[in-house]
Protein backbone atom coordinates (compact mmCIF):
# COMPACT_ATOMS: atom_id res chain seq x y z
CA MET A 1 -55.89 41.05 9.81
CA MET A 2 -52.84 38.91 9.04
CA CYS A 3 -50.64 39.53 6.03
CA CYS A 4 -48.38 36.88 4.57
CA ARG A 5 -45.56 37.55 2.17
CA MET A 6 -44.50 34.87 -0.22
CA ASN A 7 -41.43 35.16 -2.37
CA ILE A 8 -42.50 33.33 -5.51
CA GLY A 9 -39.94 34.92 -7.82
CA SER A 10 -36.77 33.11 -8.79
CA LYS A 11 -34.61 36.12 -7.99
CA SER A 12 -33.76 34.80 -4.54
CA LYS A 13 -32.50 31.49 -5.91
CA LYS A 14 -28.85 31.22 -6.81
CA ARG A 15 -28.20 30.14 -10.36
CA VAL A 16 -25.94 27.15 -10.76
CA VAL A 17 -23.08 27.68 -13.18
CA LEU A 18 -22.74 24.62 -15.36
CA PRO A 19 -19.41 23.46 -16.73
CA SER A 20 -18.73 24.17 -20.39
CA ARG A 21 -19.65 21.55 -22.95
CA PRO A 22 -16.95 19.14 -24.02
CA ASN A 23 -15.73 19.29 -27.61
CA PRO A 24 -17.49 16.92 -30.02
CA PRO A 25 -15.61 13.71 -30.75
CA SER A 26 -13.26 13.54 -33.69
CA VAL A 27 -13.90 11.26 -36.64
CA ASP A 28 -11.18 8.92 -35.37
CA GLN A 29 -12.84 8.72 -31.94
CA ILE A 30 -16.22 8.01 -33.55
CA LEU A 31 -14.75 5.28 -35.73
CA GLU A 32 -12.98 3.78 -32.72
CA ASP A 33 -16.25 3.74 -30.76
CA ILE A 34 -18.13 2.20 -33.65
CA SER A 35 -15.51 -0.47 -34.26
CA GLY A 36 -15.71 -1.48 -30.60
CA ALA A 37 -19.51 -1.55 -30.52
CA ALA A 38 -21.45 -4.76 -30.88
CA PRO A 39 -23.96 -4.96 -33.76
CA CYS A 40 -26.75 -5.24 -31.19
CA ASP A 41 -25.63 -2.07 -29.35
CA PRO A 42 -28.77 -0.09 -28.35
CA ALA A 43 -27.39 3.04 -30.01
CA PHE A 44 -27.52 1.26 -33.36
CA CYS A 45 -30.64 -0.86 -32.81
CA ILE A 46 -33.08 1.89 -31.79
CA LEU A 47 -33.70 3.10 -35.33
CA GLU A 48 -34.18 -0.46 -36.56
CA GLN A 49 -36.95 -0.84 -34.01
CA ASN A 50 -38.53 2.56 -34.68
CA GLY A 51 -37.43 3.82 -38.08
CA PRO A 52 -39.54 2.94 -41.10
CA ASP A 53 -36.70 3.26 -43.63
CA SER A 54 -33.92 1.71 -41.63
CA PRO A 55 -32.46 -1.45 -43.17
CA ARG A 56 -33.53 -4.69 -41.53
CA THR A 57 -30.50 -6.78 -42.46
CA PHE A 58 -26.83 -6.18 -42.98
CA SER A 59 -24.63 -7.79 -45.58
CA ASN A 60 -21.84 -9.99 -44.34
CA SER A 61 -19.34 -7.29 -45.24
CA GLY A 62 -17.70 -5.55 -42.29
CA VAL A 63 -17.48 -2.39 -44.37
CA GLU A 64 -21.24 -2.45 -44.95
CA LEU A 65 -21.83 -2.97 -41.23
CA ARG A 66 -19.63 0.00 -40.32
CA PHE A 67 -21.33 2.11 -42.98
CA GLN A 68 -24.78 1.30 -41.61
CA GLN A 69 -23.62 2.00 -38.04
CA CYS A 70 -22.19 5.37 -39.09
CA ARG A 71 -25.38 6.18 -40.96
CA ARG A 72 -27.48 5.34 -37.92
CA TYR A 73 -25.19 7.38 -35.69
CA LEU A 74 -25.63 10.39 -37.98
CA GLU A 75 -29.42 9.94 -38.07
CA LEU A 76 -29.56 9.76 -34.27
CA ASN A 77 -27.31 12.77 -34.01
CA GLU A 78 -29.65 14.76 -36.28
CA ARG A 79 -32.64 13.74 -34.16
CA LEU A 80 -30.81 14.83 -31.02
CA GLN A 81 -29.95 18.19 -32.56
CA ALA A 82 -33.58 18.72 -33.58
CA ALA A 83 -34.71 17.81 -30.06
CA GLN A 84 -32.14 20.22 -28.62
CA SER A 85 -33.43 23.04 -30.82
CA GLN A 86 -37.00 22.29 -29.77
CA LEU A 87 -36.03 22.24 -26.09
CA LEU A 88 -34.19 25.55 -26.41
CA GLN A 89 -37.26 27.12 -28.03
CA GLN A 90 -39.52 25.74 -25.31
CA ARG A 91 -37.12 27.00 -22.63
CA ASP A 92 -37.19 30.49 -24.15
CA GLU A 93 -40.98 30.42 -24.24
CA LEU A 94 -41.12 29.33 -20.60
CA GLN A 95 -38.71 32.06 -19.57
CA ALA A 96 -40.75 34.69 -21.38
CA THR A 97 -43.95 33.39 -19.79
CA GLY A 98 -42.29 33.40 -16.36
CA GLU A 99 -41.14 36.99 -16.83
CA GLN A 100 -44.62 38.02 -17.94
CA LEU A 101 -46.11 36.26 -14.91
CA GLU A 102 -43.70 38.08 -12.59
CA ARG A 103 -44.66 41.44 -14.14
CA GLU A 104 -48.35 40.67 -13.78
CA MET A 105 -47.87 39.52 -10.17
CA THR A 106 -46.05 42.76 -9.38
CA GLU A 107 -48.86 44.71 -11.01
CA VAL A 108 -51.51 42.83 -9.02
CA LYS A 109 -49.56 43.33 -5.78
CA GLY A 110 -49.37 47.05 -6.56
CA ARG A 111 -53.12 47.25 -7.00
CA VAL A 112 -53.83 45.34 -3.79
CA LEU A 113 -51.53 47.47 -1.65
């Protein structure tokens, strides 16, 4: 009778330490980025393509254009934050499920041996 041992647990893997997050941009940096962006920049066009209440046309005013770009930036930022929260929740659920699976595997191995 041959017995094989498999190390399925993640305990043997080394965890990679990620660098810390950079600070969010300042208002001046955001305004500088927006002023340098073209009106057809994908960051500002995505909501126009997908969003039901996004404006379809801009006035000729540069101020109005900047306002709409800032508004779209803020809307995208909110969507990203919501997605981040959802991903963090899903990660926590996966970790809990993985821990439960490891406990159950240990219990099954204990019964078999």
